[in-house]
Amino acid sequence: MKIFFNFSLNGFSNTYLIGPEEGGDAILVDPGHINLDLIERIENNHFTIAYVLLTHRHASHTAGLGTLIKIYNPIVYAGSPSMYDSPVKEVFDRSVLDLSGIAVEAIQIPGHTIDSFVFRIGNALFTGDVLSAGRVGKTSGPLEKALLLKGIKRRLLTLDERFLIFPGHGTISTLKIEKLFNRDLIDAMAIDDLDQLTHPSILT
């Protein structure tokens, strides 16, 4: 399996291309902007974009979706399909998708947005804005931040610390690095009562 990184100045966002070594059906994570470099990378590796994974609904991660659909007509997976203008298949927490032989686990971690998901492929975590190098996602208030930190603590920090983090913005990291240097996570790991905090509008 190959993983390629594409950076866009539109929203300073990352798009990830995942596909088999020999080419064929591939996955695009968060098509914030479809540019010539990305199209050339897809074509040069003999990929067809068969699937798209959206970590959440913000434009810096979805703005290229319309262009992408016109070129490749992929199946698009995301949480809360009603939030999107394009046809989207709903993904559920803990579901495992078989995308042409590539297993994708969906991990729902709300807080940054209600529809935020992390997608796990092997030892790679595509975290969108849930978790980035040195920081966690922005939230609209303290309850939302507590919900986000609770989700990260329960669902991500329990995984092998060698797992790679591919965030929606910024550089690639690992869970071990974030445990050591991400101040929000260091504080969260020291607090026991995060498990008691919920957002009043979300069932957890």
N, C-alpha and C. Protein backbone atom coordinates (compact mmCIF):
# COMPACT_ATOMS: atom_id res chain seq x y z
N MET A 1 0.84 -1.20 0.00
CA MET A 1 0.00 0.00 0.00
C MET A 1 0.87 1.25 0.00
N LYS A 2 0.46 2.24 -0.78
CA LYS A 2 1.15 3.52 -0.85
C LYS A 2 0.29 4.62 -0.22
N ILE A 3 0.94 5.56 0.44
CA ILE A 3 0.26 6.74 0.97
C ILE A 3 1.01 7.97 0.48
N PHE A 4 0.28 8.86 -0.19
CA PHE A 4 0.86 10.10 -0.68
C PHE A 4 0.19 11.29 0.00
N PHE A 5 0.97 12.34 0.17
CA PHE A 5 0.53 13.56 0.84
C PHE A 5 0.44 14.68 -0.18
N ASN A 6 -0.66 15.45 -0.15
CA ASN A 6 -0.80 16.61 -1.04
C ASN A 6 -1.24 17.81 -0.21
N PHE A 7 -0.44 18.87 -0.25
CA PHE A 7 -0.72 20.07 0.52
C PHE A 7 -1.33 21.14 -0.38
N SER A 8 -2.36 21.83 0.12
CA SER A 8 -3.00 22.91 -0.64
C SER A 8 -2.93 24.20 0.15
N LEU A 9 -2.63 25.30 -0.54
CA LEU A 9 -2.66 26.61 0.09
C LEU A 9 -4.08 27.05 0.40
N ASN A 10 -5.07 26.42 -0.27
CA ASN A 10 -6.47 26.70 0.04
C ASN A 10 -6.81 26.06 1.39
N GLY A 11 -6.83 26.88 2.42
CA GLY A 11 -7.11 26.36 3.75
C GLY A 11 -5.91 25.72 4.42
N PHE A 12 -4.75 25.77 3.74
CA PHE A 12 -3.53 25.16 4.28
C PHE A 12 -3.82 23.74 4.77
N SER A 13 -4.47 22.98 3.91
CA SER A 13 -4.97 21.66 4.30
C SER A 13 -4.23 20.54 3.58
N ASN A 14 -4.33 19.35 4.17
CA ASN A 14 -3.71 18.15 3.62
C ASN A 14 -4.76 17.22 3.02
N THR A 15 -4.42 16.66 1.87
CA THR A 15 -5.21 15.60 1.27
C THR A 15 -4.31 14.38 1.16
N TYR A 16 -4.87 13.20 1.42
CA TYR A 16 -4.07 11.98 1.38
C TYR A 16 -4.62 11.01 0.34
N LEU A 17 -3.70 10.44 -0.42
CA LEU A 17 -4.01 9.47 -1.46
C LEU A 17 -3.46 8.12 -1.03
N ILE A 18 -4.35 7.12 -0.99
CA ILE A 18 -3.96 5.78 -0.53
C ILE A 18 -4.37 4.77 -1.59
N GLY A 19 -3.43 3.93 -1.99
CA GLY A 19 -3.77 2.93 -2.99
C GLY A 19 -2.79 1.78 -3.02
N PRO A 20 -3.09 0.72 -3.74
CA PRO A 20 -2.22 -0.45 -3.81
C PRO A 20 -0.97 -0.18 -4.64
N GLU A 21 0.07 -0.95 -4.35
CA GLU A 21 1.36 -0.78 -5.03
C GLU A 21 1.23 -0.86 -6.55
N GLU A 22 0.36 -1.75 -7.01
CA GLU A 22 0.26 -2.00 -8.46
C GLU A 22 -0.73 -1.09 -9.17
N GLY A 23 -1.33 -0.13 -8.43
CA GLY A 23 -2.35 0.73 -9.02
C GLY A 23 -3.73 0.12 -8.87
N GLY A 24 -4.74 0.84 -9.35
CA GLY A 24 -6.11 0.36 -9.25
C GLY A 24 -6.95 1.27 -8.38
N ASP A 25 -7.97 0.70 -7.76
CA ASP A 25 -8.88 1.49 -6.93
C ASP A 25 -8.13 2.11 -5.75
N ALA A 26 -8.33 3.41 -5.56
CA ALA A 26 -7.62 4.14 -4.52
C ALA A 26 -8.60 4.97 -3.69
N ILE A 27 -8.09 5.46 -2.56
CA ILE A 27 -8.87 6.25 -1.61
C ILE A 27 -8.27 7.64 -1.51
N LEU A 28 -9.14 8.64 -1.45
CA LEU A 28 -8.70 10.01 -1.20
C LEU A 28 -9.33 10.47 0.11
N VAL A 29 -8.51 10.97 1.02
CA VAL A 29 -8.98 11.47 2.29
C VAL A 29 -8.98 12.99 2.28
N ASP A 30 -10.14 13.60 2.50
CA ASP A 30 -10.30 15.06 2.63
C ASP A 30 -9.83 15.84 1.39
N PRO A 31 -10.60 15.78 0.31
CA PRO A 31 -10.23 16.53 -0.89
C PRO A 31 -10.54 18.03 -0.76
N GLY A 32 -9.71 18.73 -0.01
CA GLY A 32 -9.93 20.16 0.18
C GLY A 32 -9.74 20.95 -1.09
N HIS A 33 -8.82 20.49 -1.94
CA HIS A 33 -8.56 21.18 -3.21
C HIS A 33 -7.97 20.18 -4.18
N ILE A 34 -8.52 20.12 -5.38
CA ILE A 34 -8.01 19.22 -6.41
C ILE A 34 -7.14 20.04 -7.36
N ASN A 35 -5.83 19.84 -7.29
CA ASN A 35 -4.93 20.59 -8.17
C ASN A 35 -4.21 19.65 -9.13
N LEU A 36 -3.43 20.24 -10.03
CA LEU A 36 -2.77 19.46 -11.07
C LEU A 36 -1.77 18.47 -10.49
N ASP A 37 -1.07 18.87 -9.43
CA ASP A 37 -0.10 17.96 -8.81
C ASP A 37 -0.79 16.69 -8.31
N LEU A 38 -1.96 16.86 -7.71
CA LEU A 38 -2.68 15.69 -7.19
C LEU A 38 -3.18 14.80 -8.32
N ILE A 39 -3.73 15.41 -9.37
CA ILE A 39 -4.21 14.63 -10.51
C ILE A 39 -3.06 13.86 -11.15
N GLU A 40 -1.91 14.50 -11.29
CA GLU A 40 -0.75 13.82 -11.89
C GLU A 40 -0.29 12.67 -11.01
N ARG A 41 -0.32 12.85 -9.69
CA ARG A 41 0.08 11.78 -8.79
C ARG A 41 -0.87 10.59 -8.91
N ILE A 42 -2.16 10.88 -9.02
CA ILE A 42 -3.15 9.82 -9.20
C ILE A 42 -2.91 9.05 -10.50
N GLU A 43 -2.75 9.79 -11.58
CA GLU A 43 -2.61 9.16 -12.89
C GLU A 43 -1.27 8.44 -13.04
N ASN A 44 -0.20 9.03 -12.53
CA ASN A 44 1.13 8.42 -12.67
C ASN A 44 1.24 7.11 -11.90
N ASN A 45 0.42 6.94 -10.88
CA ASN A 45 0.42 5.69 -10.13
C ASN A 45 -0.66 4.73 -10.59
N HIS A 46 -1.32 5.09 -11.69
CA HIS A 46 -2.36 4.25 -12.30
C HIS A 46 -3.49 3.97 -11.32
N PHE A 47 -3.86 5.01 -10.58
CA PHE A 47 -4.96 4.91 -9.64
C PHE A 47 -6.26 5.41 -10.26
N THR A 48 -7.35 4.87 -9.79
CA THR A 48 -8.68 5.42 -10.01
C THR A 48 -9.27 5.72 -8.64
N ILE A 49 -9.73 6.95 -8.43
CA ILE A 49 -10.29 7.29 -7.13
C ILE A 49 -11.68 6.67 -7.02
N ALA A 50 -11.74 5.55 -6.31
CA ALA A 50 -12.99 4.82 -6.16
C ALA A 50 -13.73 5.22 -4.89
N TYR A 51 -12.98 5.76 -3.91
CA TYR A 51 -13.58 6.09 -2.61
C TYR A 51 -13.01 7.40 -2.07
N VAL A 52 -13.85 8.11 -1.35
CA VAL A 52 -13.43 9.31 -0.64
C VAL A 52 -13.87 9.19 0.81
N LEU A 53 -12.97 9.54 1.72
CA LEU A 53 -13.28 9.59 3.15
C LEU A 53 -13.22 11.03 3.60
N LEU A 54 -14.29 11.51 4.22
CA LEU A 54 -14.34 12.88 4.74
C LEU A 54 -14.29 12.83 6.26
N THR A 55 -13.26 13.45 6.84
CA THR A 55 -13.15 13.43 8.29
C THR A 55 -14.17 14.33 8.96
N HIS A 56 -14.57 15.40 8.28
CA HIS A 56 -15.62 16.29 8.77
C HIS A 56 -15.99 17.27 7.67
N ARG A 57 -16.99 18.11 7.93
CA ARG A 57 -17.65 18.85 6.86
C ARG A 57 -17.00 20.18 6.50
N HIS A 58 -15.99 20.65 7.16
CA HIS A 58 -15.44 21.98 6.89
C HIS A 58 -14.89 22.09 5.47
N ALA A 59 -15.04 23.26 4.89
CA ALA A 59 -14.73 23.46 3.48
C ALA A 59 -13.28 23.17 3.13
N SER A 60 -12.36 23.43 4.05
CA SER A 60 -10.95 23.19 3.74
C SER A 60 -10.65 21.71 3.56
N HIS A 61 -11.62 20.85 3.86
CA HIS A 61 -11.46 19.41 3.68
C HIS A 61 -12.41 18.83 2.64
N THR A 62 -13.33 19.64 2.14
CA THR A 62 -14.36 19.12 1.23
C THR A 62 -14.53 19.93 -0.06
N ALA A 63 -13.87 21.08 -0.17
CA ALA A 63 -14.16 22.00 -1.28
C ALA A 63 -13.86 21.41 -2.66
N GLY A 64 -12.95 20.45 -2.73
CA GLY A 64 -12.62 19.83 -4.02
C GLY A 64 -13.51 18.67 -4.40
N LEU A 65 -14.48 18.36 -3.58
CA LEU A 65 -15.30 17.17 -3.79
C LEU A 65 -16.07 17.24 -5.11
N GLY A 66 -16.63 18.41 -5.42
CA GLY A 66 -17.41 18.55 -6.66
C GLY A 66 -16.57 18.26 -7.88
N THR A 67 -15.36 18.79 -7.93
CA THR A 67 -14.45 18.54 -9.05
C THR A 67 -14.09 17.06 -9.13
N LEU A 68 -13.79 16.48 -7.99
CA LEU A 68 -13.37 15.08 -7.94
C LEU A 68 -14.47 14.15 -8.46
N ILE A 69 -15.71 14.42 -8.08
CA ILE A 69 -16.83 13.59 -8.51
C ILE A 69 -17.01 13.64 -10.03
N LYS A 70 -16.76 14.81 -10.61
CA LYS A 70 -16.89 14.93 -12.07
C LYS A 70 -15.84 14.11 -12.81
N ILE A 71 -14.67 13.93 -12.20
CA ILE A 71 -13.58 13.22 -12.87
C ILE A 71 -13.66 11.71 -12.63
N TYR A 72 -13.90 11.30 -11.40
CA TYR A 72 -13.77 9.89 -11.03
C TYR A 72 -15.06 9.22 -10.56
N ASN A 73 -16.04 9.98 -10.13
CA ASN A 73 -17.31 9.44 -9.63
C ASN A 73 -17.11 8.43 -8.49
N PRO A 74 -16.43 8.81 -7.43
CA PRO A 74 -16.17 7.88 -6.32
C PRO A 74 -17.38 7.73 -5.40
N ILE A 75 -17.32 6.72 -4.55
CA ILE A 75 -18.25 6.60 -3.43
C ILE A 75 -17.68 7.41 -2.28
N VAL A 76 -18.51 8.27 -1.70
CA VAL A 76 -18.05 9.17 -0.65
C VAL A 76 -18.62 8.73 0.70
N TYR A 77 -17.75 8.60 1.69
CA TYR A 77 -18.16 8.20 3.03
C TYR A 77 -17.91 9.34 4.02
N ALA A 78 -18.89 9.58 4.89
CA ALA A 78 -18.76 10.63 5.91
C ALA A 78 -19.81 10.43 6.97
N GLY A 79 -19.64 11.08 8.10
CA GLY A 79 -20.68 11.13 9.11
C GLY A 79 -21.70 12.19 8.74
N SER A 80 -22.94 12.03 9.18
CA SER A 80 -24.01 13.02 8.98
C SER A 80 -24.16 13.43 7.52
N PRO A 81 -24.62 12.52 6.64
CA PRO A 81 -24.74 12.82 5.21
C PRO A 81 -25.59 14.03 4.89
N SER A 82 -26.57 14.37 5.75
CA SER A 82 -27.44 15.52 5.47
C SER A 82 -26.70 16.84 5.47
N MET A 83 -25.47 16.85 5.99
CA MET A 83 -24.68 18.09 6.03
C MET A 83 -23.96 18.36 4.71
N TYR A 84 -24.05 17.45 3.75
CA TYR A 84 -23.30 17.59 2.51
C TYR A 84 -24.24 17.78 1.32
N ASP A 85 -23.76 18.55 0.34
CA ASP A 85 -24.54 18.79 -0.87
C ASP A 85 -24.45 17.61 -1.84
N SER A 86 -23.33 16.90 -1.83
CA SER A 86 -23.13 15.76 -2.72
C SER A 86 -23.63 14.48 -2.05
N PRO A 87 -23.95 13.45 -2.84
CA PRO A 87 -24.38 12.17 -2.26
C PRO A 87 -23.28 11.56 -1.40
N VAL A 88 -23.63 11.19 -0.19
CA VAL A 88 -22.66 10.66 0.77
C VAL A 88 -23.25 9.43 1.45
N LYS A 89 -22.43 8.38 1.59
CA LYS A 89 -22.82 7.21 2.36
C LYS A 89 -22.42 7.43 3.81
N GLU A 90 -23.38 7.19 4.71
CA GLU A 90 -23.10 7.44 6.12
C GLU A 90 -22.17 6.37 6.69
N VAL A 91 -21.20 6.82 7.47
CA VAL A 91 -20.29 5.92 8.15
C VAL A 91 -20.62 5.98 9.65
N PHE A 92 -20.49 4.86 10.31
CA PHE A 92 -20.85 4.77 11.72
C PHE A 92 -19.63 4.43 12.57
N ASP A 93 -19.69 4.86 13.82
CA ASP A 93 -18.59 4.59 14.74
C ASP A 93 -18.33 3.09 14.85
N ARG A 94 -17.07 2.73 14.81
CA ARG A 94 -16.57 1.36 14.94
C ARG A 94 -16.86 0.48 13.72
N SER A 95 -17.46 1.04 12.68
CA SER A 95 -17.67 0.24 11.48
C SER A 95 -16.34 0.05 10.75
N VAL A 96 -16.22 -1.05 10.04
CA VAL A 96 -15.02 -1.34 9.25
C VAL A 96 -15.43 -1.47 7.80
N LEU A 97 -14.87 -0.63 6.96
CA LEU A 97 -15.18 -0.63 5.54
C LEU A 97 -14.14 -1.45 4.79
N ASP A 98 -14.59 -2.26 3.84
CA ASP A 98 -13.68 -2.98 2.95
C ASP A 98 -13.70 -2.24 1.63
N LEU A 99 -12.67 -1.45 1.39
CA LEU A 99 -12.60 -0.62 0.18
C LEU A 99 -11.60 -1.24 -0.78
N SER A 100 -12.10 -2.14 -1.61
CA SER A 100 -11.28 -2.87 -2.58
C SER A 100 -10.08 -3.53 -1.91
N GLY A 101 -10.35 -4.19 -0.79
CA GLY A 101 -9.30 -4.93 -0.10
C GLY A 101 -8.54 -4.13 0.95
N ILE A 102 -8.79 -2.83 1.07
CA ILE A 102 -8.17 -2.01 2.10
C ILE A 102 -9.18 -1.84 3.24
N ALA A 103 -8.81 -2.30 4.43
CA ALA A 103 -9.71 -2.22 5.59
C ALA A 103 -9.58 -0.85 6.24
N VAL A 104 -10.72 -0.19 6.43
CA VAL A 104 -10.75 1.15 7.03
C VAL A 104 -11.67 1.10 8.25
N GLU A 105 -11.13 1.39 9.42
CA GLU A 105 -11.94 1.47 10.63
C GLU A 105 -12.35 2.91 10.89
N ALA A 106 -13.63 3.13 11.15
CA ALA A 106 -14.15 4.47 11.42
C ALA A 106 -14.23 4.69 12.93
N ILE A 107 -13.64 5.79 13.39
CA ILE A 107 -13.60 6.12 14.82
C ILE A 107 -14.21 7.50 14.99
N GLN A 108 -15.38 7.57 15.58
CA GLN A 108 -16.06 8.86 15.74
C GLN A 108 -15.54 9.56 17.00
N ILE A 109 -15.06 10.80 16.82
CA ILE A 109 -14.58 11.60 17.95
C ILE A 109 -15.12 13.02 17.78
N PRO A 110 -16.33 13.29 18.25
CA PRO A 110 -16.90 14.63 18.13
C PRO A 110 -16.24 15.61 19.10
N GLY A 111 -16.49 16.88 18.84
CA GLY A 111 -15.94 17.94 19.68
C GLY A 111 -15.52 19.11 18.83
N HIS A 112 -14.64 18.85 17.85
CA HIS A 112 -14.30 19.89 16.85
C HIS A 112 -15.53 20.18 16.01
N THR A 113 -16.16 19.13 15.50
CA THR A 113 -17.49 19.18 14.89
C THR A 113 -18.24 17.94 15.36
N ILE A 114 -19.55 17.95 15.20
CA ILE A 114 -20.35 16.80 15.62
C ILE A 114 -20.11 15.59 14.72
N ASP A 115 -19.66 15.82 13.48
CA ASP A 115 -19.49 14.72 12.52
C ASP A 115 -18.04 14.31 12.35
N SER A 116 -17.16 14.66 13.27
CA SER A 116 -15.73 14.37 13.12
C SER A 116 -15.44 12.87 13.29
N PHE A 117 -14.69 12.34 12.32
CA PHE A 117 -14.23 10.95 12.35
C PHE A 117 -12.73 10.89 12.14
N VAL A 118 -12.12 9.89 12.75
CA VAL A 118 -10.76 9.49 12.44
C VAL A 118 -10.85 8.16 11.69
N PHE A 119 -10.06 8.02 10.62
CA PHE A 119 -10.07 6.78 9.85
C PHE A 119 -8.73 6.06 10.04
N ARG A 120 -8.82 4.82 10.48
CA ARG A 120 -7.61 4.01 10.70
C ARG A 120 -7.42 3.04 9.54
N ILE A 121 -6.25 3.08 8.93
CA ILE A 121 -5.86 2.12 7.90
C ILE A 121 -4.51 1.55 8.33
N GLY A 122 -4.51 0.30 8.75
CA GLY A 122 -3.27 -0.28 9.26
C GLY A 122 -2.81 0.47 10.50
N ASN A 123 -1.55 0.94 10.46
CA ASN A 123 -1.02 1.71 11.58
C ASN A 123 -1.05 3.21 11.31
N ALA A 124 -1.91 3.62 10.39
CA ALA A 124 -2.05 5.04 10.03
C ALA A 124 -3.40 5.57 10.49
N LEU A 125 -3.38 6.73 11.14
CA LEU A 125 -4.60 7.40 11.60
C LEU A 125 -4.77 8.70 10.84
N PHE A 126 -5.84 8.80 10.07
CA PHE A 126 -6.15 10.02 9.34
C PHE A 126 -7.12 10.82 10.21
N THR A 127 -6.59 11.83 10.89
CA THR A 127 -7.28 12.44 12.03
C THR A 127 -8.04 13.71 11.71
N GLY A 128 -7.97 14.20 10.47
CA GLY A 128 -8.67 15.46 10.17
C GLY A 128 -8.23 16.54 11.13
N ASP A 129 -9.20 17.19 11.79
CA ASP A 129 -8.87 18.23 12.76
C ASP A 129 -9.03 17.77 14.21
N VAL A 130 -9.22 16.47 14.41
CA VAL A 130 -9.32 15.95 15.76
C VAL A 130 -7.99 16.10 16.49
N LEU A 131 -6.91 15.69 15.83
CA LEU A 131 -5.58 15.70 16.45
C LEU A 131 -4.54 16.02 15.40
N SER A 132 -3.71 17.02 15.70
CA SER A 132 -2.61 17.42 14.82
C SER A 132 -1.33 17.44 15.63
N ALA A 133 -0.21 17.68 14.96
CA ALA A 133 1.08 17.74 15.65
C ALA A 133 1.09 18.90 16.65
N GLY A 134 1.14 18.58 17.92
CA GLY A 134 1.26 19.59 18.96
C GLY A 134 -0.03 20.23 19.41
N ARG A 135 -1.16 19.83 18.85
CA ARG A 135 -2.41 20.47 19.25
C ARG A 135 -3.59 19.55 18.97
N VAL A 136 -4.73 19.91 19.55
CA VAL A 136 -5.99 19.25 19.24
C VAL A 136 -6.88 20.23 18.51
N GLY A 137 -8.01 19.74 17.98
CA GLY A 137 -8.89 20.59 17.19
C GLY A 137 -9.51 21.73 17.98
N LYS A 138 -9.78 22.81 17.29
CA LYS A 138 -10.47 23.93 17.92
C LYS A 138 -11.91 23.53 18.24
N THR A 139 -12.42 24.08 19.34
CA THR A 139 -13.79 23.80 19.73
C THR A 139 -14.50 25.10 20.07
N SER A 140 -15.82 25.04 20.15
CA SER A 140 -16.61 26.24 20.39
C SER A 140 -16.78 26.56 21.87
N GLY A 141 -16.33 25.67 22.75
CA GLY A 141 -16.48 25.93 24.17
C GLY A 141 -15.81 24.86 25.00
N PRO A 142 -15.78 25.01 26.32
CA PRO A 142 -15.09 24.06 27.20
C PRO A 142 -15.72 22.68 27.23
N LEU A 143 -17.04 22.58 27.10
CA LEU A 143 -17.66 21.26 27.09
C LEU A 143 -17.29 20.48 25.83
N GLU A 144 -17.29 21.20 24.71
CA GLU A 144 -16.90 20.55 23.45
C GLU A 144 -15.44 20.09 23.51
N LYS A 145 -14.58 20.93 24.12
CA LYS A 145 -13.17 20.52 24.23
C LYS A 145 -13.02 19.31 25.13
N ALA A 146 -13.78 19.27 26.23
CA ALA A 146 -13.73 18.10 27.10
C ALA A 146 -14.19 16.85 26.37
N LEU A 147 -15.23 16.98 25.55
CA LEU A 147 -15.72 15.85 24.76
C LEU A 147 -14.65 15.38 23.79
N LEU A 148 -13.98 16.33 23.12
CA LEU A 148 -12.92 15.99 22.18
C LEU A 148 -11.77 15.26 22.89
N LEU A 149 -11.33 15.81 24.01
CA LEU A 149 -10.22 15.20 24.74
C LEU A 149 -10.60 13.82 25.27
N LYS A 150 -11.85 13.68 25.71
CA LYS A 150 -12.31 12.37 26.18
C LYS A 150 -12.25 11.35 25.05
N GLY A 151 -12.68 11.75 23.86
CA GLY A 151 -12.64 10.84 22.72
C GLY A 151 -11.22 10.45 22.33
N ILE A 152 -10.33 11.43 22.31
CA ILE A 152 -8.93 11.15 21.98
C ILE A 152 -8.32 10.21 23.01
N LYS A 153 -8.58 10.49 24.28
CA LYS A 153 -8.01 9.68 25.37
C LYS A 153 -8.52 8.24 25.30
N ARG A 154 -9.82 8.08 25.07
CA ARG A 154 -10.42 6.74 25.06
C ARG A 154 -10.09 5.96 23.79
N ARG A 155 -10.12 6.64 22.64
CA ARG A 155 -10.13 5.93 21.37
C ARG A 155 -8.78 5.93 20.65
N LEU A 156 -7.93 6.92 20.92
CA LEU A 156 -6.65 7.00 20.22
C LEU A 156 -5.46 6.70 21.12
N LEU A 157 -5.44 7.27 22.31
CA LEU A 157 -4.27 7.11 23.17
C LEU A 157 -4.14 5.70 23.72
N THR A 158 -5.16 4.87 23.53
CA THR A 158 -5.09 3.47 23.94
C THR A 158 -4.48 2.58 22.85
N LEU A 159 -4.24 3.16 21.67
CA LEU A 159 -3.65 2.40 20.57
C LEU A 159 -2.13 2.36 20.72
N ASP A 160 -1.50 1.54 19.90
CA ASP A 160 -0.04 1.45 19.89
C ASP A 160 0.55 2.83 19.63
N GLU A 161 1.47 3.27 20.49
CA GLU A 161 2.00 4.63 20.38
C GLU A 161 2.88 4.83 19.15
N ARG A 162 3.18 3.75 18.44
CA ARG A 162 3.94 3.88 17.19
C ARG A 162 3.05 4.25 16.00
N PHE A 163 1.73 4.29 16.21
CA PHE A 163 0.82 4.64 15.11
C PHE A 163 1.15 6.03 14.58
N LEU A 164 1.06 6.16 13.26
CA LEU A 164 1.32 7.44 12.59
C LEU A 164 0.05 8.28 12.54
N ILE A 165 0.21 9.58 12.72
CA ILE A 165 -0.91 10.52 12.64
C ILE A 165 -0.75 11.33 11.36
N PHE A 166 -1.78 11.27 10.50
CA PHE A 166 -1.84 12.05 9.28
C PHE A 166 -2.95 13.09 9.45
N PRO A 167 -2.61 14.30 9.88
CA PRO A 167 -3.64 15.29 10.23
C PRO A 167 -4.14 16.08 9.02
N GLY A 168 -5.26 16.77 9.23
CA GLY A 168 -5.83 17.61 8.18
C GLY A 168 -5.02 18.85 7.90
N HIS A 169 -4.22 19.28 8.87
CA HIS A 169 -3.35 20.45 8.73
C HIS A 169 -2.03 20.14 9.43
N GLY A 170 -0.94 20.63 8.88
CA GLY A 170 0.34 20.48 9.55
C GLY A 170 1.06 19.19 9.19
N THR A 171 2.11 18.92 9.97
CA THR A 171 3.01 17.82 9.66
C THR A 171 2.55 16.50 10.25
N ILE A 172 3.07 15.42 9.70
CA ILE A 172 2.80 14.07 10.19
C ILE A 172 3.47 13.89 11.55
N SER A 173 2.82 13.10 12.42
CA SER A 173 3.36 12.86 13.76
C SER A 173 3.10 11.41 14.13
N THR A 174 3.34 11.08 15.40
CA THR A 174 3.02 9.76 15.94
C THR A 174 2.31 9.94 17.28
N LEU A 175 1.62 8.89 17.71
CA LEU A 175 0.96 8.97 19.02
C LEU A 175 1.98 9.15 20.13
N LYS A 176 3.13 8.52 20.01
CA LYS A 176 4.15 8.66 21.05
C LYS A 176 4.62 10.10 21.17
N ILE A 177 4.88 10.74 20.05
CA ILE A 177 5.32 12.14 20.08
C ILE A 177 4.26 13.02 20.72
N GLU A 178 3.00 12.78 20.37
CA GLU A 178 1.92 13.61 20.92
C GLU A 178 1.76 13.37 22.42
N LYS A 179 1.92 12.15 22.87
CA LYS A 179 1.86 11.87 24.30
C LYS A 179 2.95 12.60 25.07
N LEU A 180 4.11 12.75 24.44
CA LEU A 180 5.25 13.38 25.09
C LEU A 180 5.21 14.90 25.08
N PHE A 181 4.67 15.48 23.97
CA PHE A 181 4.85 16.92 23.77
C PHE A 181 3.56 17.72 23.56
N ASN A 182 2.43 17.07 23.37
CA ASN A 182 1.18 17.80 23.14
C ASN A 182 0.58 18.16 24.50
N ARG A 183 0.62 19.44 24.85
CA ARG A 183 0.22 19.87 26.19
C ARG A 183 -1.22 19.51 26.51
N ASP A 184 -2.14 19.66 25.55
CA ASP A 184 -3.54 19.29 25.79
C ASP A 184 -3.67 17.82 26.17
N LEU A 185 -2.92 16.97 25.49
CA LEU A 185 -3.02 15.54 25.78
C LEU A 185 -2.34 15.19 27.10
N ILE A 186 -1.24 15.83 27.39
CA ILE A 186 -0.57 15.60 28.68
C ILE A 186 -1.51 15.94 29.82
N ASP A 187 -2.20 17.07 29.70
CA ASP A 187 -3.16 17.46 30.74
C ASP A 187 -4.33 16.48 30.82
N ALA A 188 -4.83 16.04 29.64
CA ALA A 188 -5.98 15.14 29.60
C ALA A 188 -5.66 13.79 30.23
N MET A 189 -4.45 13.30 30.00
CA MET A 189 -4.07 12.00 30.53
C MET A 189 -4.00 12.02 32.06
N ALA A 190 -3.83 13.22 32.63
CA ALA A 190 -3.71 13.34 34.08
C ALA A 190 -5.05 13.54 34.78
N ILE A 191 -6.14 13.68 34.00
CA ILE A 191 -7.45 13.98 34.57
C ILE A 191 -8.34 12.75 34.49
N ASP A 192 -8.83 12.29 35.61
CA ASP A 192 -9.69 11.11 35.63
C ASP A 192 -11.14 11.41 35.26
N ASP A 193 -11.64 12.62 35.58
CA ASP A 193 -13.06 12.89 35.43
C ASP A 193 -13.46 13.30 34.02
N LEU A 194 -12.55 13.22 33.05
CA LEU A 194 -12.94 13.45 31.66
C LEU A 194 -14.04 12.48 31.25
N ASP A 195 -14.01 11.28 31.80
CA ASP A 195 -15.02 10.27 31.45
C ASP A 195 -16.42 10.67 31.88
N GLN A 196 -16.53 11.61 32.78
CA GLN A 196 -17.84 12.04 33.27
C GLN A 196 -18.41 13.21 32.48
N LEU A 197 -17.62 13.76 31.56
CA LEU A 197 -18.06 14.95 30.84
C LEU A 197 -18.68 14.57 29.50
N THR A 198 -19.82 15.17 29.20
CA THR A 198 -20.46 14.97 27.91
C THR A 198 -20.99 16.30 27.42
N HIS A 199 -21.21 16.37 26.14
CA HIS A 199 -21.82 17.57 25.56
C HIS A 199 -23.33 17.38 25.61
N PRO A 200 -24.10 18.39 26.05
CA PRO A 200 -25.54 18.18 26.24
C PRO A 200 -26.32 17.87 24.97
N SER A 201 -25.75 18.16 23.79
CA SER A 201 -26.49 17.91 22.55
C SER A 201 -26.10 16.60 21.87
N ILE A 202 -25.18 15.83 22.50
CA ILE A 202 -24.68 14.64 21.85
C ILE A 202 -24.82 13.45 22.79
N LEU A 203 -25.35 12.35 22.27
CA LEU A 203 -25.41 11.12 23.04
C LEU A 203 -24.09 10.40 22.91
N THR A 204 -23.48 10.03 24.02
CA THR A 204 -22.19 9.33 23.97
C THR A 204 -22.28 8.04 24.75
